[in-house]
Amino acid sequence: MILLGADAGFLRPGLVIVDIDESTLDLETSTVLEVMTIETERMDKKSRKLQDVSVAEDDASRIKKIVVGIEDIVTRHRPKLAIVELPISGAKSSVAAKGMAFASATFVSTLYCLKVDTVLISPYDNKIGSTGNVKAEKEEVIAAVVSIWPDISWPLMRSKSRAKEPDNGKLEALSDALSTIITYVKLRKKNAKLVLVKHE
């Protein structure tokens, strides 16, 4: 069974594809087929002014980039199900709150239009699923993911001086995305109720 796991951020969403035996849901024998992030850095005020681009136009361009990225990975892998960590309340600024709302709406609506059933998971449940600790730090989530899939090729820094170091921003997004797969499997094995958005 092909699963899409996603960390639905607005700045740097993480997406992963995992192949797992549907009958056993055995994480140890599952295979990570692809990991990818979608970079959607917002334009600074000076750049927008020079290029005569409004905030709304910049936001729309970023949303389009995410939609295209989701469509690309879904088209290539045809996942049976998507498991998405959606951002929830707790934003420290209006810009962050707007980003959370855009990310949530973009992921849910795009996957619905692509006819991919989607399980929604909160960041809290995702931390518990992979680490057992709702207050887990990013490093703990990464360690939990690596313990199951130790051979993943993480994206590296682009800087020549740091070219052999993992890109921490991408690493965090991808770890959260892989954590959704762990969480989904544990919830399924417990017969827990899932928040499911089904396409019609």
C-alpha atoms as a PDB file:
ATOM      1  CA  MET A   1       0.000   0.000   0.000  1.00  0.00           C
ATOM      2  CA  ILE A   2       1.398   3.367  -1.006  1.00  0.00           C
ATOM      3  CA  LEU A   3       0.955   6.129   1.582  1.00  0.00           C
ATOM      4  CA  LEU A   4       1.640   9.841   1.307  1.00  0.00           C
ATOM      5  CA  GLY A   5       2.762  11.475   4.536  1.00  0.00           C
ATOM      6  CA  ALA A   6       2.811  15.254   4.766  1.00  0.00           C
ATOM      7  CA  ASP A   7       3.778  18.072   7.077  1.00  0.00           C
ATOM      8  CA  ALA A   8       1.434  20.767   5.830  1.00  0.00           C
ATOM      9  CA  GLY A   9       3.516  23.864   6.341  1.00  0.00           C
ATOM     10  CA  PHE A  10       3.324  26.999   4.222  1.00  0.00           C
ATOM     11  CA  LEU A  11       6.999  27.948   4.200  1.00  0.00           C
ATOM     12  CA  ARG A  12       8.413  24.455   3.613  1.00  0.00           C
ATOM     13  CA  PRO A  13       5.905  21.590   3.390  1.00  0.00           C
ATOM     14  CA  GLY A  14       7.401  18.118   3.670  1.00  0.00           C
ATOM     15  CA  LEU A  15       6.054  15.177   1.655  1.00  0.00           C
ATOM     16  CA  VAL A  16       7.064  11.526   1.795  1.00  0.00           C
ATOM     17  CA  ILE A  17       5.973   8.361   0.027  1.00  0.00           C
ATOM     18  CA  VAL A  18       6.068   5.090   1.960  1.00  0.00           C
ATOM     19  CA  ASP A  19       5.245   1.597   0.716  1.00  0.00           C
ATOM     20  CA  ILE A  20       3.889  -0.619   3.511  1.00  0.00           C
ATOM     21  CA  ASP A  21       2.259  -4.037   3.612  1.00  0.00           C
ATOM     22  CA  GLU A  22      -1.448  -3.322   4.061  1.00  0.00           C
ATOM     23  CA  SER A  23      -2.165  -6.639   5.768  1.00  0.00           C
ATOM     24  CA  THR A  24       0.517  -6.341   8.469  1.00  0.00           C
ATOM     25  CA  LEU A  25       1.167  -2.586   8.658  1.00  0.00           C
ATOM     26  CA  ASP A  26       4.727  -3.508   9.616  1.00  0.00           C
ATOM     27  CA  LEU A  27       6.843  -0.358   9.741  1.00  0.00           C
ATOM     28  CA  GLU A  28      10.070  -2.338   9.957  1.00  0.00           C
ATOM     29  CA  THR A  29       9.548  -3.808   6.488  1.00  0.00           C
ATOM     30  CA  SER A  30       8.139  -0.634   4.948  1.00  0.00           C
ATOM     31  CA  THR A  31      10.117   1.293   2.349  1.00  0.00           C
ATOM     32  CA  VAL A  32      10.522   5.048   1.920  1.00  0.00           C
ATOM     33  CA  LEU A  33      10.217   5.642  -1.819  1.00  0.00           C
ATOM     34  CA  GLU A  34      10.628   9.410  -1.880  1.00  0.00           C
ATOM     35  CA  VAL A  35      11.123  12.436   0.352  1.00  0.00           C
ATOM     36  CA  MET A  36      10.680  15.992  -0.876  1.00  0.00           C
ATOM     37  CA  THR A  37      10.085  19.502   0.374  1.00  0.00           C
ATOM     38  CA  ILE A  38       8.420  22.397  -1.410  1.00  0.00           C
ATOM     39  CA  GLU A  39      10.236  25.677  -0.831  1.00  0.00           C
ATOM     40  CA  THR A  40       7.864  28.665  -0.732  1.00  0.00           C
ATOM     41  CA  GLU A  41       9.884  31.521   0.736  1.00  0.00           C
ATOM     42  CA  ARG A  42       7.826  34.711   0.788  1.00  0.00           C
ATOM     43  CA  MET A  43       9.161  37.769  -0.970  1.00  0.00           C
ATOM     44  CA  ASP A  44      10.481  40.546   1.226  1.00  0.00           C
ATOM     45  CA  LYS A  45       8.948  44.007   1.013  1.00  0.00           C
ATOM     46  CA  LYS A  46      11.784  45.446  -1.070  1.00  0.00           C
ATOM     47  CA  SER A  47      11.624  42.641  -3.653  1.00  0.00           C
ATOM     48  CA  ARG A  48       7.841  42.935  -3.920  1.00  0.00           C
ATOM     49  CA  LYS A  49       8.125  46.681  -4.490  1.00  0.00           C
ATOM     50  CA  LEU A  50      10.831  46.292  -7.156  1.00  0.00           C
ATOM     51  CA  GLN A  51       8.809  43.632  -9.001  1.00  0.00           C
ATOM     52  CA  ASP A  52       5.444  45.343  -8.382  1.00  0.00           C
ATOM     53  CA  VAL A  53       4.023  42.247  -6.680  1.00  0.00           C
ATOM     54  CA  SER A  54       1.346  42.536  -4.007  1.00  0.00           C
ATOM     55  CA  VAL A  55       1.230  40.401  -0.857  1.00  0.00           C
ATOM     56  CA  ALA A  56      -1.852  38.638  -2.261  1.00  0.00           C
ATOM     57  CA  GLU A  57      -0.043  37.830  -5.516  1.00  0.00           C
ATOM     58  CA  ASP A  58       2.935  36.482  -3.601  1.00  0.00           C
ATOM     59  CA  ASP A  59       0.650  34.332  -1.427  1.00  0.00           C
ATOM     60  CA  ALA A  60      -1.152  33.015  -4.499  1.00  0.00           C
ATOM     61  CA  SER A  61       2.148  32.115  -6.148  1.00  0.00           C
ATOM     62  CA  ARG A  62       3.242  30.197  -3.060  1.00  0.00           C
ATOM     63  CA  ILE A  63      -0.074  28.339  -2.856  1.00  0.00           C
ATOM     64  CA  LYS A  64       0.212  27.405  -6.528  1.00  0.00           C
ATOM     65  CA  LYS A  65       3.704  26.016  -5.926  1.00  0.00           C
ATOM     66  CA  ILE A  66       2.377  23.764  -3.153  1.00  0.00           C
ATOM     67  CA  VAL A  67      -0.555  22.591  -5.281  1.00  0.00           C
ATOM     68  CA  VAL A  68       1.776  21.721  -8.170  1.00  0.00           C
ATOM     69  CA  GLY A  69       4.132  19.853  -5.814  1.00  0.00           C
ATOM     70  CA  ILE A  70       1.311  17.790  -4.292  1.00  0.00           C
ATOM     71  CA  GLU A  71      -0.133  17.047  -7.712  1.00  0.00           C
ATOM     72  CA  ASP A  72       3.281  15.936  -8.974  1.00  0.00           C
ATOM     73  CA  ILE A  73       3.990  13.450  -6.178  1.00  0.00           C
ATOM     74  CA  VAL A  74       0.424  12.083  -6.226  1.00  0.00           C
ATOM     75  CA  THR A  75       0.481  11.633 -10.002  1.00  0.00           C
ATOM     76  CA  ARG A  76       3.792   9.752  -9.895  1.00  0.00           C
ATOM     77  CA  HIS A  77       3.024   7.461  -6.943  1.00  0.00           C
ATOM     78  CA  ARG A  78      -0.787   7.193  -6.787  1.00  0.00           C
ATOM     79  CA  PRO A  79      -1.022   6.835  -2.985  1.00  0.00           C
ATOM     80  CA  LYS A  80      -3.993   4.963  -1.584  1.00  0.00           C
ATOM     81  CA  LEU A  81      -4.181   7.359   1.349  1.00  0.00           C
ATOM     82  CA  ALA A  82      -2.614  10.604   2.570  1.00  0.00           C
ATOM     83  CA  ILE A  83      -1.824  11.241   6.226  1.00  0.00           C
ATOM     84  CA  VAL A  84      -1.375  14.943   6.891  1.00  0.00           C
ATOM     85  CA  GLU A  85      -0.185  16.794   9.977  1.00  0.00           C
ATOM     86  CA  LEU A  86      -2.186  20.001   9.870  1.00  0.00           C
ATOM     87  CA  PRO A  87      -1.027  23.127  11.691  1.00  0.00           C
ATOM     88  CA  ILE A  88      -3.384  24.184  14.449  1.00  0.00           C
ATOM     89  CA  SER A  89      -3.808  27.214  16.698  1.00  0.00           C
ATOM     90  CA  GLY A  90      -0.811  28.675  18.473  1.00  0.00           C
ATOM     91  CA  ALA A  91       0.550  31.045  15.851  1.00  0.00           C
ATOM     92  CA  LYS A  92       2.556  33.875  17.370  1.00  0.00           C
ATOM     93  CA  SER A  93       1.690  36.438  14.696  1.00  0.00           C
ATOM     94  CA  SER A  94      -1.002  37.238  12.174  1.00  0.00           C
ATOM     95  CA  VAL A  95       1.389  36.278   9.358  1.00  0.00           C
ATOM     96  CA  ALA A  96       1.949  32.855  10.936  1.00  0.00           C
ATOM     97  CA  ALA A  97      -1.797  32.380  11.483  1.00  0.00           C
ATOM     98  CA  LYS A  98      -2.443  33.229   7.836  1.00  0.00           C
ATOM     99  CA  GLY A  99       0.228  30.751   6.752  1.00  0.00           C
ATOM    100  CA  MET A 100      -1.341  28.006   8.866  1.00  0.00           C
ATOM    101  CA  ALA A 101      -4.744  28.665   7.348  1.00  0.00           C
ATOM    102  CA  PHE A 102      -3.372  28.707   3.793  1.00  0.00           C
ATOM    103  CA  ALA A 103      -1.429  25.473   4.352  1.00  0.00           C
ATOM    104  CA  SER A 104      -4.411  23.642   5.832  1.00  0.00           C
ATOM    105  CA  ALA A 105      -6.805  24.747   3.102  1.00  0.00           C
ATOM    106  CA  THR A 106      -4.311  24.046   0.319  1.00  0.00           C
ATOM    107  CA  PHE A 107      -3.514  20.489   1.415  1.00  0.00           C
ATOM    108  CA  VAL A 108      -7.066  19.403   2.217  1.00  0.00           C
ATOM    109  CA  SER A 109      -8.617  20.868  -0.936  1.00  0.00           C
ATOM    110  CA  THR A 110      -5.829  19.727  -3.284  1.00  0.00           C
ATOM    111  CA  LEU A 111      -5.869  16.128  -2.041  1.00  0.00           C
ATOM    112  CA  TYR A 112      -9.669  16.126  -2.213  1.00  0.00           C
ATOM    113  CA  CYS A 113      -9.600  17.314  -5.830  1.00  0.00           C
ATOM    114  CA  LEU A 114      -6.971  14.677  -6.636  1.00  0.00           C
ATOM    115  CA  LYS A 115      -9.349  12.064  -5.138  1.00  0.00           C
ATOM    116  CA  VAL A 116      -6.982  10.985  -2.384  1.00  0.00           C
ATOM    117  CA  ASP A 117      -8.667  10.077   0.916  1.00  0.00           C
ATOM    118  CA  THR A 118      -6.903  11.972   3.700  1.00  0.00           C
ATOM    119  CA  VAL A 119      -6.390  11.316   7.400  1.00  0.00           C
ATOM    120  CA  LEU A 120      -5.824  14.508   9.400  1.00  0.00           C
ATOM    121  CA  ILE A 121      -3.479  14.433  12.399  1.00  0.00           C
ATOM    122  CA  SER A 122      -2.656  17.197  14.876  1.00  0.00           C
ATOM    123  CA  PRO A 123       0.965  18.050  15.712  1.00  0.00           C
ATOM    124  CA  TYR A 124       0.323  16.857  19.269  1.00  0.00           C
ATOM    125  CA  ASP A 125      -0.946  13.442  18.166  1.00  0.00           C
ATOM    126  CA  ASN A 126       1.931  13.201  15.697  1.00  0.00           C
ATOM    127  CA  LYS A 127       4.519  13.720  18.443  1.00  0.00           C
ATOM    128  CA  ILE A 128       2.831  11.147  20.648  1.00  0.00           C
ATOM    129  CA  GLY A 129       2.633   8.710  17.736  1.00  0.00           C
ATOM    130  CA  SER A 130       6.336   8.724  16.972  1.00  0.00           C
ATOM    131  CA  THR A 131       7.891   9.482  20.372  1.00  0.00           C
ATOM    132  CA  GLY A 132       5.219   8.835  23.005  1.00  0.00           C
ATOM    133  CA  ASN A 133       5.788  12.373  24.297  1.00  0.00           C
ATOM    134  CA  VAL A 134       3.461  15.260  23.444  1.00  0.00           C
ATOM    135  CA  LYS A 135       6.243  17.716  24.365  1.00  0.00           C
ATOM    136  CA  ALA A 136       8.898  16.003  22.268  1.00  0.00           C
ATOM    137  CA  GLU A 137      11.535  18.217  20.673  1.00  0.00           C
ATOM    138  CA  LYS A 138      12.304  18.054  16.950  1.00  0.00           C
ATOM    139  CA  GLU A 139      15.428  16.002  17.639  1.00  0.00           C
ATOM    140  CA  GLU A 140      13.332  13.306  19.327  1.00  0.00           C
ATOM    141  CA  VAL A 141      10.981  13.058  16.351  1.00  0.00           C
ATOM    142  CA  ILE A 142      13.953  12.822  13.998  1.00  0.00           C
ATOM    143  CA  ALA A 143      15.510  10.073  16.146  1.00  0.00           C
ATOM    144  CA  ALA A 144      12.237   8.103  16.170  1.00  0.00           C
ATOM    145  CA  VAL A 145      11.991   8.319  12.388  1.00  0.00           C
ATOM    146  CA  VAL A 146      15.628   7.360  11.835  1.00  0.00           C
ATOM    147  CA  SER A 147      15.235   4.334  14.131  1.00  0.00           C
ATOM    148  CA  ILE A 148      12.663   2.928  11.684  1.00  0.00           C
ATOM    149  CA  TRP A 149      14.157   4.143   8.404  1.00  0.00           C
ATOM    150  CA  PRO A 150      17.932   4.478   9.027  1.00  0.00           C
ATOM    151  CA  ASP A 151      18.923   4.530   5.364  1.00  0.00           C
ATOM    152  CA  ILE A 152      17.068   7.646   4.238  1.00  0.00           C
ATOM    153  CA  SER A 153      19.108  10.075   2.137  1.00  0.00           C
ATOM    154  CA  TRP A 154      18.317  13.401   3.795  1.00  0.00           C
ATOM    155  CA  PRO A 155      18.599  16.630   1.775  1.00  0.00           C
ATOM    156  CA  LEU A 156      21.977  18.281   2.338  1.00  0.00           C
ATOM    157  CA  MET A 157      22.965  21.920   2.726  1.00  0.00           C
ATOM    158  CA  ARG A 158      23.707  23.772  -0.503  1.00  0.00           C
ATOM    159  CA  SER A 159      26.629  25.724   0.929  1.00  0.00           C
ATOM    160  CA  LYS A 160      29.993  24.363  -0.257  1.00  0.00           C
ATOM    161  CA  SER A 161      31.448  24.631   3.241  1.00  0.00           C
ATOM    162  CA  ARG A 162      28.526  22.658   4.724  1.00  0.00           C
ATOM    163  CA  ALA A 163      27.646  20.442   1.756  1.00  0.00           C
ATOM    164  CA  LYS A 164      27.839  17.227   3.776  1.00  0.00           C
ATOM    165  CA  GLU A 165      25.535  18.449   6.556  1.00  0.00           C
ATOM    166  CA  PRO A 166      21.784  17.717   6.523  1.00  0.00           C
ATOM    167  CA  ASP A 167      19.560  20.719   5.821  1.00  0.00           C
ATOM    168  CA  ASN A 168      17.887  21.068   9.241  1.00  0.00           C
ATOM    169  CA  GLY A 169      14.826  22.918   7.960  1.00  0.00           C
ATOM    170  CA  LYS A 170      14.072  20.227   5.409  1.00  0.00           C
ATOM    171  CA  LEU A 171      15.012  17.489   7.872  1.00  0.00           C
ATOM    172  CA  GLU A 172      12.412  18.725  10.374  1.00  0.00           C
ATOM    173  CA  ALA A 173       9.637  18.961   7.775  1.00  0.00           C
ATOM    174  CA  LEU A 174      10.421  15.495   6.389  1.00  0.00           C
ATOM    175  CA  SER A 175      10.656  13.944   9.858  1.00  0.00           C
ATOM    176  CA  ASP A 176       7.228  15.327  10.732  1.00  0.00           C
ATOM    177  CA  ALA A 177       5.895  13.934   7.450  1.00  0.00           C
ATOM    178  CA  LEU A 178       7.378  10.479   8.142  1.00  0.00           C
ATOM    179  CA  SER A 179       6.085  10.673  11.705  1.00  0.00           C
ATOM    180  CA  THR A 180       2.536  10.843  10.304  1.00  0.00           C
ATOM    181  CA  ILE A 181       3.042   7.375   8.832  1.00  0.00           C
ATOM    182  CA  ILE A 182       4.157   6.013  12.219  1.00  0.00           C
ATOM    183  CA  THR A 183       1.209   7.692  13.929  1.00  0.00           C
ATOM    184  CA  TYR A 184      -1.275   6.388  11.380  1.00  0.00           C
ATOM    185  CA  VAL A 185      -0.020   2.805  11.775  1.00  0.00           C
ATOM    186  CA  LYS A 186      -0.241   2.989  15.577  1.00  0.00           C
ATOM    187  CA  LEU A 187      -3.754   4.442  15.448  1.00  0.00           C
ATOM    188  CA  ARG A 188      -4.877   1.769  13.002  1.00  0.00           C
ATOM    189  CA  LYS A 189      -3.480  -1.001  15.193  1.00  0.00           C
ATOM    190  CA  LYS A 190      -5.384   0.432  18.179  1.00  0.00           C
ATOM    191  CA  ASN A 191      -8.561   0.703  16.089  1.00  0.00           C
ATOM    192  CA  ALA A 192      -8.639   4.376  17.097  1.00  0.00           C
ATOM    193  CA  LYS A 193     -11.050   6.749  15.417  1.00  0.00           C
ATOM    194  CA  LEU A 194      -9.431   8.586  12.508  1.00  0.00           C
ATOM    195  CA  VAL A 195     -10.329  12.035  11.202  1.00  0.00           C
ATOM    196  CA  LEU A 196     -10.884  11.161   7.560  1.00  0.00           C
ATOM    197  CA  VAL A 197     -11.677  13.401   4.596  1.00  0.00           C
ATOM    198  CA  LYS A 198     -13.046  11.162   1.873  1.00  0.00           C
ATOM    199  CA  HIS A 199     -13.372  12.218  -1.741  1.00  0.00           C
ATOM    200  CA  GLU A 200     -16.749  11.513  -3.298  1.00  0.00           C
END
